[in-house]
Amino acid sequence: MIARVLLIRHGQTEWNREQRFRGRADIPLDETGLRQARVTAKYVAARWPVRAVYSSPMQRAIQTAEAIAAVQGLEVQLLQGLLDLDFGMLQGQPFADARVCYPDLLRAWFEAPHTVRFPGGEGLDEVRNRCTATLREVVDRHPEQTVAMVAHTVVNRVLLCAVLDLENDHFWHLGQDTCAVNLIEWDGKRYMLRLLNDTSHLWQAD
């Protein structure tokens, strides 16, 4: 019995373009992100008819998930375990400003992310614990079915590390572009990654 999960990152937001820490800030997709979501929805529907669409409760993920669900006649189901990393006091700050104000913290984040817990926020271990539990709940709920799950770059990278039995120090080794599609399979004993950071459809959103 193979359960398949299409793990998808949300579309572009203004804060993606501005390179700000997003985290728990509930920002919407920008115009490019909305186009990306529509194109991704058509791509998913053409290749993988899904039985359910799950999403992080953040607006940018919900908007992406709603586009995917609408094409397939489904409703979006929210999962708290897919919430983005809480960046604490860095939330909303441009990366460039944070590098000036918190140079040691930013250096650690980009060089050794597994060692960082953001002041007033979370670390990768906390995200991994909740999102891996959520993934397991989803695959157990949908044996022999394909579902879509829309989340965030941090959540996706950490989940992919877990699926590949990698520690969180490999976080930056796994690219996750906006509206990228990943395919994870679960056979009841182990996970297998079938597709990683697929953005081949996004030329249609340019």
N, C-alpha and C. Protein backbone atom coordinates (compact mmCIF):
# COMPACT_ATOMS: atom_id res chain seq x y z
N MET A 1 0.85 -1.19 0.00
CA MET A 1 0.00 0.00 0.00
C MET A 1 0.88 1.24 0.00
N ILE A 2 0.87 1.98 -1.08
CA ILE A 2 1.70 3.17 -1.22
C ILE A 2 0.85 4.42 -1.05
N ALA A 3 1.20 5.22 -0.06
CA ALA A 3 0.59 6.55 0.09
C ALA A 3 1.53 7.56 -0.55
N ARG A 4 0.98 8.50 -1.29
CA ARG A 4 1.80 9.51 -1.97
C ARG A 4 1.40 10.90 -1.50
N VAL A 5 2.41 11.68 -1.17
CA VAL A 5 2.19 13.06 -0.72
C VAL A 5 2.93 14.01 -1.64
N LEU A 6 2.18 14.90 -2.27
CA LEU A 6 2.78 15.99 -3.04
C LEU A 6 3.02 17.13 -2.06
N LEU A 7 4.27 17.32 -1.70
CA LEU A 7 4.65 18.38 -0.77
C LEU A 7 5.01 19.60 -1.60
N ILE A 8 4.25 20.67 -1.42
CA ILE A 8 4.35 21.84 -2.30
C ILE A 8 4.63 23.08 -1.47
N ARG A 9 5.55 23.90 -1.95
CA ARG A 9 5.76 25.18 -1.29
C ARG A 9 4.76 26.20 -1.84
N HIS A 10 4.36 27.14 -1.01
CA HIS A 10 3.44 28.19 -1.44
C HIS A 10 4.07 29.08 -2.52
N GLY A 11 3.24 29.87 -3.17
CA GLY A 11 3.72 30.80 -4.19
C GLY A 11 4.41 32.02 -3.60
N GLN A 12 4.90 32.86 -4.49
CA GLN A 12 5.69 34.03 -4.09
C GLN A 12 4.84 35.08 -3.36
N THR A 13 5.47 35.72 -2.37
CA THR A 13 4.88 36.87 -1.68
C THR A 13 5.80 38.07 -1.86
N GLU A 14 5.29 39.23 -1.50
CA GLU A 14 6.12 40.44 -1.54
C GLU A 14 7.34 40.29 -0.65
N TRP A 15 7.17 39.62 0.47
CA TRP A 15 8.30 39.46 1.40
C TRP A 15 9.34 38.47 0.87
N ASN A 16 8.94 37.54 0.00
CA ASN A 16 9.94 36.71 -0.67
C ASN A 16 10.83 37.59 -1.54
N ARG A 17 10.20 38.48 -2.30
CA ARG A 17 10.95 39.36 -3.19
C ARG A 17 11.86 40.30 -2.39
N GLU A 18 11.37 40.75 -1.25
CA GLU A 18 12.13 41.69 -0.43
C GLU A 18 13.14 40.99 0.49
N GLN A 19 13.15 39.67 0.46
CA GLN A 19 14.04 38.86 1.29
C GLN A 19 13.92 39.23 2.77
N ARG A 20 12.71 39.07 3.27
CA ARG A 20 12.42 39.28 4.69
C ARG A 20 12.14 37.93 5.36
N PHE A 21 12.39 37.88 6.66
CA PHE A 21 11.99 36.71 7.43
C PHE A 21 10.47 36.70 7.53
N ARG A 22 9.83 35.64 7.04
CA ARG A 22 8.38 35.60 6.96
C ARG A 22 7.76 34.89 8.17
N GLY A 23 8.07 33.63 8.34
CA GLY A 23 7.61 32.91 9.52
C GLY A 23 6.11 32.99 9.74
N ARG A 24 5.72 33.50 10.91
CA ARG A 24 4.31 33.52 11.30
C ARG A 24 3.57 34.78 10.82
N ALA A 25 4.25 35.65 10.07
CA ALA A 25 3.57 36.82 9.50
C ALA A 25 2.60 36.33 8.42
N ASP A 26 1.33 36.70 8.54
CA ASP A 26 0.31 36.14 7.66
C ASP A 26 0.13 37.00 6.42
N ILE A 27 1.09 36.90 5.52
CA ILE A 27 1.12 37.73 4.32
C ILE A 27 0.55 36.96 3.12
N PRO A 28 -0.13 37.66 2.20
CA PRO A 28 -0.74 36.99 1.05
C PRO A 28 0.25 36.81 -0.10
N LEU A 29 -0.15 36.03 -1.07
CA LEU A 29 0.60 35.92 -2.31
C LEU A 29 0.56 37.25 -3.05
N ASP A 30 1.64 37.55 -3.78
CA ASP A 30 1.59 38.70 -4.68
C ASP A 30 1.06 38.23 -6.04
N GLU A 31 1.05 39.11 -7.04
CA GLU A 31 0.47 38.74 -8.33
C GLU A 31 1.22 37.57 -8.97
N THR A 32 2.55 37.59 -8.85
CA THR A 32 3.33 36.46 -9.38
C THR A 32 2.97 35.18 -8.65
N GLY A 33 2.84 35.26 -7.33
CA GLY A 33 2.49 34.09 -6.54
C GLY A 33 1.14 33.52 -6.91
N LEU A 34 0.17 34.39 -7.18
CA LEU A 34 -1.16 33.92 -7.59
C LEU A 34 -1.09 33.20 -8.94
N ARG A 35 -0.28 33.74 -9.86
CA ARG A 35 -0.11 33.06 -11.16
C ARG A 35 0.58 31.71 -10.95
N GLN A 36 1.60 31.69 -10.11
CA GLN A 36 2.30 30.43 -9.82
C GLN A 36 1.34 29.39 -9.26
N ALA A 37 0.46 29.82 -8.36
CA ALA A 37 -0.49 28.89 -7.75
C ALA A 37 -1.43 28.31 -8.79
N ARG A 38 -1.92 29.14 -9.70
CA ARG A 38 -2.84 28.66 -10.74
C ARG A 38 -2.15 27.67 -11.67
N VAL A 39 -0.92 27.99 -12.06
CA VAL A 39 -0.16 27.10 -12.94
C VAL A 39 0.15 25.78 -12.24
N THR A 40 0.52 25.86 -10.98
CA THR A 40 0.82 24.65 -10.21
C THR A 40 -0.42 23.78 -10.06
N ALA A 41 -1.56 24.41 -9.85
CA ALA A 41 -2.82 23.66 -9.72
C ALA A 41 -3.11 22.85 -10.98
N LYS A 42 -2.92 23.46 -12.14
CA LYS A 42 -3.16 22.76 -13.40
C LYS A 42 -2.15 21.63 -13.60
N TYR A 43 -0.90 21.90 -13.24
CA TYR A 43 0.16 20.90 -13.37
C TYR A 43 -0.14 19.68 -12.50
N VAL A 44 -0.50 19.93 -11.26
CA VAL A 44 -0.80 18.83 -10.34
C VAL A 44 -2.00 18.03 -10.84
N ALA A 45 -3.05 18.71 -11.26
CA ALA A 45 -4.26 18.02 -11.72
C ALA A 45 -3.99 17.15 -12.95
N ALA A 46 -3.10 17.61 -13.82
CA ALA A 46 -2.79 16.86 -15.04
C ALA A 46 -2.00 15.59 -14.76
N ARG A 47 -1.22 15.60 -13.68
CA ARG A 47 -0.34 14.46 -13.40
C ARG A 47 -0.81 13.59 -12.24
N TRP A 48 -1.41 14.21 -11.24
CA TRP A 48 -1.75 13.48 -10.02
C TRP A 48 -3.15 13.86 -9.52
N PRO A 49 -4.17 13.16 -9.90
CA PRO A 49 -5.47 13.41 -9.26
C PRO A 49 -5.34 13.12 -7.76
N VAL A 50 -5.67 14.09 -6.93
CA VAL A 50 -5.48 13.93 -5.49
C VAL A 50 -6.82 13.75 -4.78
N ARG A 51 -6.77 13.08 -3.64
CA ARG A 51 -7.98 12.79 -2.86
C ARG A 51 -8.21 13.81 -1.76
N ALA A 52 -7.17 14.58 -1.42
CA ALA A 52 -7.31 15.59 -0.36
C ALA A 52 -6.22 16.64 -0.55
N VAL A 53 -6.52 17.85 -0.09
CA VAL A 53 -5.54 18.94 -0.12
C VAL A 53 -5.43 19.52 1.28
N TYR A 54 -4.22 19.46 1.83
CA TYR A 54 -3.94 19.98 3.16
C TYR A 54 -3.06 21.22 3.05
N SER A 55 -3.15 22.08 4.06
CA SER A 55 -2.39 23.33 4.02
C SER A 55 -2.00 23.79 5.41
N SER A 56 -0.88 24.47 5.47
CA SER A 56 -0.55 25.30 6.62
C SER A 56 -1.66 26.33 6.80
N PRO A 57 -1.91 26.79 8.03
CA PRO A 57 -2.95 27.80 8.26
C PRO A 57 -2.56 29.21 7.81
N MET A 58 -1.37 29.41 7.27
CA MET A 58 -0.94 30.73 6.84
C MET A 58 -1.57 31.07 5.49
N GLN A 59 -1.93 32.35 5.31
CA GLN A 59 -2.68 32.80 4.13
C GLN A 59 -1.98 32.44 2.82
N ARG A 60 -0.67 32.60 2.76
CA ARG A 60 0.06 32.34 1.52
C ARG A 60 -0.02 30.87 1.12
N ALA A 61 -0.03 29.99 2.12
CA ALA A 61 -0.18 28.56 1.83
C ALA A 61 -1.63 28.23 1.47
N ILE A 62 -2.57 28.82 2.20
CA ILE A 62 -3.99 28.56 1.93
C ILE A 62 -4.36 28.99 0.51
N GLN A 63 -3.89 30.16 0.07
CA GLN A 63 -4.21 30.62 -1.29
C GLN A 63 -3.68 29.66 -2.34
N THR A 64 -2.48 29.14 -2.11
CA THR A 64 -1.90 28.16 -3.03
C THR A 64 -2.70 26.87 -3.01
N ALA A 65 -3.03 26.41 -1.82
CA ALA A 65 -3.80 25.17 -1.67
C ALA A 65 -5.20 25.31 -2.27
N GLU A 66 -5.82 26.47 -2.11
CA GLU A 66 -7.17 26.67 -2.65
C GLU A 66 -7.17 26.56 -4.17
N ALA A 67 -6.12 27.06 -4.81
CA ALA A 67 -6.04 26.93 -6.27
C ALA A 67 -5.95 25.46 -6.68
N ILE A 68 -5.15 24.69 -5.95
CA ILE A 68 -4.99 23.26 -6.24
C ILE A 68 -6.29 22.52 -5.98
N ALA A 69 -6.94 22.83 -4.87
CA ALA A 69 -8.18 22.14 -4.50
C ALA A 69 -9.32 22.46 -5.47
N ALA A 70 -9.40 23.72 -5.91
CA ALA A 70 -10.51 24.14 -6.77
C ALA A 70 -10.52 23.36 -8.08
N VAL A 71 -9.35 23.15 -8.66
CA VAL A 71 -9.26 22.44 -9.93
C VAL A 71 -9.74 21.00 -9.78
N GLN A 72 -9.57 20.43 -8.59
CA GLN A 72 -9.91 19.02 -8.38
C GLN A 72 -11.21 18.84 -7.59
N GLY A 73 -11.95 19.93 -7.38
CA GLY A 73 -13.24 19.84 -6.73
C GLY A 73 -13.17 19.46 -5.26
N LEU A 74 -12.14 19.95 -4.56
CA LEU A 74 -11.93 19.60 -3.16
C LEU A 74 -11.93 20.84 -2.28
N GLU A 75 -12.03 20.62 -0.99
CA GLU A 75 -11.91 21.68 0.00
C GLU A 75 -10.55 21.56 0.68
N VAL A 76 -9.99 22.68 1.08
CA VAL A 76 -8.70 22.69 1.77
C VAL A 76 -8.90 22.36 3.25
N GLN A 77 -8.06 21.47 3.76
CA GLN A 77 -8.07 21.11 5.18
C GLN A 77 -6.79 21.67 5.81
N LEU A 78 -6.93 22.39 6.91
CA LEU A 78 -5.79 23.04 7.55
C LEU A 78 -5.13 22.13 8.58
N LEU A 79 -3.81 22.18 8.63
CA LEU A 79 -3.03 21.40 9.58
C LEU A 79 -2.08 22.32 10.34
N GLN A 80 -2.27 22.43 11.64
CA GLN A 80 -1.43 23.30 12.46
C GLN A 80 0.03 22.87 12.42
N GLY A 81 0.28 21.57 12.24
CA GLY A 81 1.65 21.07 12.22
C GLY A 81 2.48 21.57 11.06
N LEU A 82 1.83 22.19 10.06
CA LEU A 82 2.55 22.71 8.89
C LEU A 82 2.88 24.19 9.01
N LEU A 83 2.59 24.80 10.17
CA LEU A 83 2.93 26.21 10.37
C LEU A 83 4.41 26.46 10.11
N ASP A 84 4.71 27.63 9.58
CA ASP A 84 6.09 28.01 9.32
C ASP A 84 6.86 28.17 10.63
N LEU A 85 8.18 28.14 10.52
CA LEU A 85 9.05 28.40 11.67
C LEU A 85 8.74 29.76 12.26
N ASP A 86 8.70 29.83 13.58
CA ASP A 86 8.54 31.11 14.28
C ASP A 86 9.92 31.74 14.42
N PHE A 87 10.15 32.83 13.67
CA PHE A 87 11.45 33.50 13.70
C PHE A 87 11.59 34.48 14.86
N GLY A 88 10.58 34.54 15.72
CA GLY A 88 10.68 35.37 16.92
C GLY A 88 10.94 36.83 16.59
N MET A 89 11.97 37.39 17.23
CA MET A 89 12.23 38.83 17.09
C MET A 89 12.73 39.21 15.69
N LEU A 90 13.10 38.22 14.87
CA LEU A 90 13.55 38.53 13.51
C LEU A 90 12.41 38.59 12.50
N GLN A 91 11.22 38.20 12.92
CA GLN A 91 10.09 38.16 11.99
C GLN A 91 9.85 39.53 11.34
N GLY A 92 9.76 39.53 10.02
CA GLY A 92 9.50 40.75 9.27
C GLY A 92 10.75 41.54 8.91
N GLN A 93 11.89 41.19 9.50
CA GLN A 93 13.11 41.95 9.22
C GLN A 93 13.72 41.52 7.89
N PRO A 94 14.23 42.45 7.10
CA PRO A 94 14.99 42.09 5.91
C PRO A 94 16.26 41.34 6.31
N PHE A 95 16.66 40.37 5.50
CA PHE A 95 17.88 39.63 5.80
C PHE A 95 19.07 40.58 5.97
N ALA A 96 19.15 41.59 5.09
CA ALA A 96 20.30 42.50 5.13
C ALA A 96 20.37 43.25 6.46
N ASP A 97 19.22 43.72 6.96
CA ASP A 97 19.21 44.42 8.24
C ASP A 97 19.58 43.49 9.39
N ALA A 98 19.06 42.27 9.34
CA ALA A 98 19.34 41.31 10.41
C ALA A 98 20.82 40.95 10.45
N ARG A 99 21.46 40.92 9.28
CA ARG A 99 22.90 40.62 9.27
C ARG A 99 23.70 41.70 9.99
N VAL A 100 23.22 42.94 9.94
CA VAL A 100 23.89 44.05 10.62
C VAL A 100 23.59 44.03 12.11
N CYS A 101 22.33 43.80 12.47
CA CYS A 101 21.91 43.87 13.87
C CYS A 101 22.26 42.61 14.66
N TYR A 102 22.23 41.46 14.00
CA TYR A 102 22.47 40.18 14.68
C TYR A 102 23.45 39.33 13.86
N PRO A 103 24.68 39.81 13.68
CA PRO A 103 25.60 39.12 12.78
C PRO A 103 25.91 37.68 13.18
N ASP A 104 26.08 37.42 14.47
CA ASP A 104 26.41 36.06 14.90
C ASP A 104 25.25 35.11 14.67
N LEU A 105 24.04 35.58 14.98
CA LEU A 105 22.85 34.76 14.78
C LEU A 105 22.64 34.44 13.31
N LEU A 106 22.80 35.44 12.45
CA LEU A 106 22.60 35.21 11.01
C LEU A 106 23.68 34.31 10.44
N ARG A 107 24.90 34.48 10.92
CA ARG A 107 25.99 33.61 10.44
C ARG A 107 25.68 32.16 10.81
N ALA A 108 25.25 31.96 12.04
CA ALA A 108 24.91 30.60 12.47
C ALA A 108 23.75 30.04 11.66
N TRP A 109 22.73 30.86 11.39
CA TRP A 109 21.57 30.39 10.64
C TRP A 109 21.94 29.91 9.25
N PHE A 110 22.83 30.63 8.58
CA PHE A 110 23.18 30.25 7.22
C PHE A 110 24.33 29.25 7.15
N GLU A 111 25.07 29.06 8.25
CA GLU A 111 26.19 28.12 8.24
C GLU A 111 25.91 26.86 9.05
N ALA A 112 25.13 26.97 10.10
CA ALA A 112 24.83 25.82 10.97
C ALA A 112 23.40 25.95 11.50
N PRO A 113 22.41 25.85 10.62
CA PRO A 113 21.03 26.14 11.01
C PRO A 113 20.50 25.24 12.13
N HIS A 114 21.03 24.04 12.23
CA HIS A 114 20.57 23.10 13.25
C HIS A 114 20.92 23.54 14.66
N THR A 115 21.82 24.52 14.79
CA THR A 115 22.24 24.99 16.12
C THR A 115 21.43 26.20 16.60
N VAL A 116 20.57 26.73 15.74
CA VAL A 116 19.91 28.01 16.02
C VAL A 116 18.50 27.81 16.58
N ARG A 117 18.24 28.54 17.66
CA ARG A 117 16.85 28.71 18.12
C ARG A 117 16.63 30.21 18.20
N PHE A 118 15.70 30.72 17.40
CA PHE A 118 15.50 32.17 17.31
C PHE A 118 14.91 32.71 18.61
N PRO A 119 15.49 33.78 19.15
CA PRO A 119 14.98 34.38 20.39
C PRO A 119 13.50 34.73 20.26
N GLY A 120 12.70 34.19 21.16
CA GLY A 120 11.26 34.41 21.10
C GLY A 120 10.56 33.53 20.08
N GLY A 121 11.30 32.62 19.45
CA GLY A 121 10.73 31.77 18.41
C GLY A 121 11.10 30.31 18.57
N GLU A 122 11.40 29.66 17.45
CA GLU A 122 11.65 28.22 17.42
C GLU A 122 13.01 27.90 16.83
N GLY A 123 13.35 26.62 16.91
CA GLY A 123 14.48 26.05 16.21
C GLY A 123 14.00 24.94 15.28
N LEU A 124 14.90 24.41 14.46
CA LEU A 124 14.52 23.41 13.48
C LEU A 124 14.04 22.11 14.11
N ASP A 125 14.58 21.75 15.28
CA ASP A 125 14.15 20.50 15.92
C ASP A 125 12.66 20.56 16.27
N GLU A 126 12.20 21.71 16.74
CA GLU A 126 10.78 21.85 17.08
C GLU A 126 9.90 21.72 15.84
N VAL A 127 10.34 22.36 14.76
CA VAL A 127 9.59 22.26 13.50
C VAL A 127 9.57 20.80 13.03
N ARG A 128 10.70 20.15 13.11
CA ARG A 128 10.79 18.76 12.64
C ARG A 128 9.86 17.84 13.43
N ASN A 129 9.82 18.01 14.73
CA ASN A 129 8.97 17.16 15.56
C ASN A 129 7.50 17.27 15.15
N ARG A 130 7.03 18.50 14.97
CA ARG A 130 5.60 18.66 14.67
C ARG A 130 5.26 18.32 13.23
N CYS A 131 6.15 18.65 12.29
CA CYS A 131 5.77 18.42 10.89
C CYS A 131 5.95 16.95 10.50
N THR A 132 6.89 16.23 11.10
CA THR A 132 7.00 14.79 10.81
C THR A 132 5.82 14.03 11.39
N ALA A 133 5.36 14.45 12.57
CA ALA A 133 4.16 13.83 13.15
C ALA A 133 2.96 14.08 12.25
N THR A 134 2.88 15.28 11.69
CA THR A 134 1.77 15.62 10.79
C THR A 134 1.83 14.80 9.51
N LEU A 135 3.02 14.65 8.93
CA LEU A 135 3.17 13.84 7.72
C LEU A 135 2.73 12.40 7.98
N ARG A 136 3.14 11.85 9.12
CA ARG A 136 2.77 10.46 9.43
C ARG A 136 1.25 10.32 9.58
N GLU A 137 0.61 11.30 10.20
CA GLU A 137 -0.85 11.27 10.33
C GLU A 137 -1.51 11.26 8.95
N VAL A 138 -0.97 12.05 8.04
CA VAL A 138 -1.56 12.16 6.70
C VAL A 138 -1.41 10.85 5.93
N VAL A 139 -0.22 10.26 5.94
CA VAL A 139 -0.04 9.01 5.16
C VAL A 139 -0.83 7.86 5.78
N ASP A 140 -0.96 7.86 7.10
CA ASP A 140 -1.77 6.81 7.74
C ASP A 140 -3.25 6.97 7.40
N ARG A 141 -3.68 8.20 7.18
CA ARG A 141 -5.07 8.50 6.86
C ARG A 141 -5.40 8.17 5.40
N HIS A 142 -4.35 8.12 4.55
CA HIS A 142 -4.59 7.97 3.10
C HIS A 142 -3.76 6.85 2.48
N PRO A 143 -3.88 5.62 2.97
CA PRO A 143 -3.16 4.52 2.31
C PRO A 143 -3.67 4.34 0.89
N GLU A 144 -2.74 4.12 -0.03
CA GLU A 144 -3.07 3.89 -1.44
C GLU A 144 -3.72 5.10 -2.10
N GLN A 145 -3.54 6.28 -1.53
CA GLN A 145 -4.08 7.50 -2.13
C GLN A 145 -2.97 8.53 -2.31
N THR A 146 -3.25 9.52 -3.15
CA THR A 146 -2.34 10.64 -3.36
C THR A 146 -3.00 11.90 -2.81
N VAL A 147 -2.26 12.65 -2.02
CA VAL A 147 -2.78 13.89 -1.46
C VAL A 147 -1.75 15.00 -1.69
N ALA A 148 -2.21 16.24 -1.59
CA ALA A 148 -1.32 17.40 -1.68
C ALA A 148 -1.23 18.06 -0.32
N MET A 149 -0.04 18.57 -0.01
CA MET A 149 0.21 19.24 1.26
C MET A 149 1.01 20.50 0.96
N VAL A 150 0.46 21.67 1.28
CA VAL A 150 1.11 22.94 0.96
C VAL A 150 1.68 23.55 2.23
N ALA A 151 2.97 23.85 2.18
CA ALA A 151 3.64 24.39 3.38
C ALA A 151 4.68 25.43 2.97
N HIS A 152 5.76 25.51 3.72
CA HIS A 152 6.73 26.60 3.63
C HIS A 152 8.13 26.05 3.40
N THR A 153 9.05 26.91 2.99
CA THR A 153 10.39 26.43 2.69
C THR A 153 11.05 25.75 3.88
N VAL A 154 10.90 26.31 5.09
CA VAL A 154 11.52 25.70 6.26
C VAL A 154 10.88 24.34 6.55
N VAL A 155 9.56 24.30 6.58
CA VAL A 155 8.85 23.05 6.83
C VAL A 155 9.23 22.00 5.79
N ASN A 156 9.22 22.38 4.53
CA ASN A 156 9.53 21.43 3.46
C ASN A 156 10.96 20.91 3.56
N ARG A 157 11.91 21.79 3.79
CA ARG A 157 13.31 21.36 3.89
C ARG A 157 13.50 20.39 5.05
N VAL A 158 12.89 20.71 6.19
CA VAL A 158 13.03 19.85 7.37
C VAL A 158 12.35 18.50 7.13
N LEU A 159 11.17 18.52 6.52
CA LEU A 159 10.49 17.26 6.20
C LEU A 159 11.31 16.42 5.23
N LEU A 160 11.90 17.05 4.25
CA LEU A 160 12.72 16.32 3.28
C LEU A 160 13.96 15.73 3.94
N CYS A 161 14.56 16.47 4.86
CA CYS A 161 15.67 15.92 5.64
C CYS A 161 15.22 14.66 6.37
N ALA A 162 14.05 14.73 7.00
CA ALA A 162 13.54 13.58 7.76
C ALA A 162 13.27 12.39 6.84
N VAL A 163 12.66 12.65 5.69
CA VAL A 163 12.34 11.58 4.74
C VAL A 163 13.62 10.88 4.26
N LEU A 164 14.68 11.65 4.10
CA LEU A 164 15.95 11.11 3.61
C LEU A 164 16.87 10.65 4.73
N ASP A 165 16.37 10.64 5.97
CA ASP A 165 17.18 10.26 7.14
C ASP A 165 18.42 11.12 7.28
N LEU A 166 18.27 12.40 7.01
CA LEU A 166 19.36 13.36 7.16
C LEU A 166 19.12 14.21 8.40
N GLU A 167 20.19 14.61 9.06
CA GLU A 167 20.06 15.52 10.19
C GLU A 167 19.75 16.92 9.67
N ASN A 168 19.35 17.79 10.57
CA ASN A 168 18.97 19.14 10.17
C ASN A 168 20.14 20.00 9.71
N ASP A 169 21.38 19.52 9.89
CA ASP A 169 22.51 20.29 9.37
C ASP A 169 22.57 20.25 7.85
N HIS A 170 21.75 19.39 7.22
CA HIS A 170 21.65 19.35 5.76
C HIS A 170 20.55 20.26 5.23
N PHE A 171 19.96 21.07 6.09
CA PHE A 171 18.82 21.92 5.76
C PHE A 171 19.03 22.71 4.48
N TRP A 172 20.17 23.37 4.34
CA TRP A 172 20.40 24.24 3.18
C TRP A 172 20.77 23.46 1.92
N HIS A 173 20.95 22.15 2.02
CA HIS A 173 21.33 21.35 0.85
C HIS A 173 20.13 21.02 -0.04
N LEU A 174 18.92 21.29 0.46
CA LEU A 174 17.71 20.90 -0.26
C LEU A 174 16.94 22.15 -0.70
N GLY A 175 17.04 22.48 -1.97
CA GLY A 175 16.39 23.68 -2.48
C GLY A 175 14.87 23.55 -2.47
N GLN A 176 14.19 24.67 -2.18
CA GLN A 176 12.73 24.72 -2.21
C GLN A 176 12.30 26.07 -2.76
N ASP A 177 12.08 26.12 -4.07
CA ASP A 177 11.63 27.35 -4.70
C ASP A 177 10.12 27.53 -4.50
N THR A 178 9.64 28.75 -4.72
CA THR A 178 8.20 28.98 -4.58
C THR A 178 7.43 28.11 -5.57
N CYS A 179 6.37 27.50 -5.08
CA CYS A 179 5.51 26.58 -5.83
C CYS A 179 6.26 25.36 -6.39
N ALA A 180 7.36 25.00 -5.74
CA ALA A 180 8.05 23.75 -6.10
C ALA A 180 7.21 22.56 -5.64
N VAL A 181 7.29 21.48 -6.41
CA VAL A 181 6.56 20.25 -6.10
C VAL A 181 7.56 19.15 -5.76
N ASN A 182 7.30 18.46 -4.64
CA ASN A 182 8.08 17.29 -4.24
C ASN A 182 7.10 16.12 -4.11
N LEU A 183 7.56 14.92 -4.40
CA LEU A 183 6.71 13.74 -4.27
C LEU A 183 7.35 12.76 -3.29
N ILE A 184 6.62 12.47 -2.22
CA ILE A 184 7.07 11.54 -1.19
C ILE A 184 6.14 10.33 -1.19
N GLU A 185 6.73 9.13 -1.11
CA GLU A 185 5.94 7.91 -1.00
C GLU A 185 6.19 7.24 0.35
N TRP A 186 5.16 6.60 0.87
CA TRP A 186 5.24 5.86 2.14
C TRP A 186 4.65 4.47 1.91
N ASP A 187 5.45 3.42 2.16
CA ASP A 187 4.98 2.05 1.92
C ASP A 187 4.58 1.33 3.20
N GLY A 188 4.47 2.08 4.29
CA GLY A 188 4.12 1.49 5.57
C GLY A 188 5.32 1.22 6.44
N LYS A 189 6.52 1.26 5.83
CA LYS A 189 7.75 1.01 6.59
C LYS A 189 8.76 2.14 6.44
N ARG A 190 8.82 2.69 5.23
CA ARG A 190 9.82 3.73 4.99
C ARG A 190 9.30 4.73 3.96
N TYR A 191 9.91 5.91 4.00
CA TYR A 191 9.61 6.95 3.01
C TYR A 191 10.57 6.83 1.83
N MET A 192 10.11 7.24 0.66
CA MET A 192 10.96 7.35 -0.51
C MET A 192 10.66 8.67 -1.19
N LEU A 193 11.71 9.41 -1.54
CA LEU A 193 11.54 10.67 -2.25
C LEU A 193 11.61 10.40 -3.75
N ARG A 194 10.53 10.70 -4.44
CA ARG A 194 10.44 10.43 -5.87
C ARG A 194 10.69 11.67 -6.73
N LEU A 195 10.47 12.85 -6.17
CA LEU A 195 10.60 14.09 -6.94
C LEU A 195 11.01 15.19 -5.98
N LEU A 196 11.98 16.01 -6.41
CA LEU A 196 12.50 17.06 -5.54
C LEU A 196 12.50 18.41 -6.25
N ASN A 197 11.87 19.41 -5.63
CA ASN A 197 11.93 20.80 -6.08
C ASN A 197 11.62 20.95 -7.57
N ASP A 198 10.57 20.28 -8.01
CA ASP A 198 10.16 20.37 -9.42
C ASP A 198 9.49 21.72 -9.68
N THR A 199 10.12 22.51 -10.53
CA THR A 199 9.55 23.81 -10.94
C THR A 199 9.39 23.89 -12.46
N SER A 200 9.37 22.73 -13.11
CA SER A 200 9.35 22.70 -14.57
C SER A 200 8.10 23.35 -15.16
N HIS A 201 7.05 23.48 -14.35
CA HIS A 201 5.79 24.07 -14.82
C HIS A 201 5.76 25.59 -14.74
N LEU A 202 6.68 26.18 -13.98
CA LEU A 202 6.53 27.59 -13.63
C LEU A 202 6.89 28.56 -14.75
N TRP A 203 7.46 28.07 -15.84
CA TRP A 203 7.71 28.98 -16.97
C TRP A 203 6.40 29.59 -17.47
N GLN A 204 5.30 28.89 -17.24
CA GLN A 204 3.99 29.39 -17.68
C GLN A 204 3.49 30.56 -16.82
N ALA A 205 4.13 30.77 -15.67
CA ALA A 205 3.71 31.86 -14.78
C ALA A 205 4.51 33.13 -15.01
N ASP A 206 5.52 33.07 -15.89
CA ASP A 206 6.38 34.25 -16.12
C ASP A 206 5.63 35.32 -16.93
